[in-house]
Amino acid sequence: DFILDLPLEISVELGRSTMLVGDLLQLGQGSVVELNKQAGEPLEILVNRKLVARGEAVVVNEKFGVRIIDIVPADERVRRLG
């Protein structure tokens, strides 16, 4: 029962980008930041910053959600820890 009450941080990553500080400072309202993923690629579902699944964006009652489409196999999750 103790383990069931441990809080976990769950996040969903749409993509990543790297930029110079100077470019970051020039961003303003309406700016577009290009990410490293193509449209339609699965989103990454992270638990405590570790990849555990992939999914797709959905809208539920006017809020964003994510539908899990693939769970990362346990051996791959363990391999990523090292």
Protein backbone atom coordinates (compact mmCIF):
# COMPACT_ATOMS: atom_id res chain seq x y z
CA ASP A 1 0.00 0.00 0.00
CA PHE A 2 2.90 2.37 0.72
CA ILE A 3 4.15 2.20 -2.88
CA LEU A 4 0.69 3.01 -4.25
CA ASP A 5 0.78 6.40 -2.48
CA LEU A 6 4.13 7.58 -3.91
CA PRO A 7 3.72 10.67 -6.12
CA LEU A 8 5.12 10.52 -9.65
CA GLU A 9 5.75 13.36 -12.10
CA ILE A 10 4.12 12.57 -15.44
CA SER A 11 4.87 14.75 -18.46
CA VAL A 12 4.22 14.53 -22.18
CA GLU A 13 6.85 15.82 -24.58
CA LEU A 14 5.78 17.21 -27.93
CA GLY A 15 9.35 17.78 -29.10
CA ARG A 16 12.63 19.56 -28.36
CA SER A 17 14.68 22.39 -29.76
CA THR A 18 18.11 23.88 -29.12
CA MET A 19 18.80 27.56 -29.64
CA LEU A 20 21.31 30.22 -28.78
CA VAL A 21 20.61 32.62 -25.91
CA GLY A 22 20.55 35.52 -28.37
CA ASP A 23 17.86 33.79 -30.45
CA LEU A 24 15.87 32.98 -27.30
CA LEU A 25 15.92 36.63 -26.21
CA GLN A 26 14.49 37.68 -29.57
CA LEU A 27 11.38 35.51 -29.18
CA GLY A 28 8.15 37.37 -28.69
CA GLN A 29 4.42 36.87 -28.87
CA GLY A 30 3.63 35.06 -32.12
CA SER A 31 7.13 33.62 -32.53
CA VAL A 32 7.34 30.02 -33.71
CA VAL A 33 9.92 27.58 -32.34
CA GLU A 34 10.60 24.61 -34.62
CA LEU A 35 10.76 21.28 -32.79
CA ASN A 36 12.68 18.12 -33.68
CA LYS A 37 9.55 16.04 -34.37
CA GLN A 38 7.43 15.77 -37.47
CA ALA A 39 3.68 16.41 -37.33
CA GLY A 40 1.88 13.17 -36.55
CA GLU A 41 4.81 11.53 -34.71
CA PRO A 42 3.89 9.99 -31.34
CA LEU A 43 4.30 12.11 -28.22
CA GLU A 44 6.67 10.82 -25.53
CA ILE A 45 5.14 10.05 -22.13
CA LEU A 46 7.68 10.45 -19.34
CA VAL A 47 7.42 9.37 -15.71
CA ASN A 48 9.99 11.07 -13.49
CA ARG A 49 11.78 12.16 -16.71
CA LYS A 50 12.10 8.57 -17.98
CA LEU A 51 10.39 7.44 -21.20
CA VAL A 52 7.72 4.84 -20.44
CA ALA A 53 5.26 5.13 -23.32
CA ARG A 54 4.26 6.92 -26.50
CA GLY A 55 0.88 8.34 -27.36
CA GLU A 56 -1.21 10.70 -29.42
CA ALA A 57 -2.86 13.96 -28.46
CA VAL A 58 -6.62 13.94 -27.89
CA VAL A 59 -9.17 16.48 -26.72
CA VAL A 60 -11.50 15.46 -23.89
CA ASN A 61 -14.12 17.95 -22.67
CA GLU A 62 -12.14 20.84 -24.20
CA LYS A 63 -8.92 19.78 -22.41
CA PHE A 64 -5.85 18.15 -23.92
CA GLY A 65 -5.11 14.55 -23.07
CA VAL A 66 -2.93 11.76 -24.40
CA ARG A 67 -4.00 8.32 -25.58
CA ILE A 68 -1.33 5.68 -24.95
CA ILE A 69 -0.52 3.80 -28.15
CA ASP A 70 2.71 2.04 -27.15
CA ILE A 71 4.35 1.11 -23.85
CA VAL A 72 8.15 0.94 -23.86
CA PRO A 73 9.24 -2.65 -23.05
CA ALA A 74 10.73 -3.13 -19.57
CA ASP A 75 14.13 -4.21 -20.92
CA GLU A 76 14.40 -1.02 -22.99
CA ARG A 77 13.43 1.14 -19.96
CA VAL A 78 16.14 -0.58 -17.88
CA ARG A 79 18.70 -0.11 -20.68
CA ARG A 80 17.92 3.66 -20.79
CA LEU A 81 18.66 4.00 -17.06
CA GLY A 82 22.37 3.29 -17.59
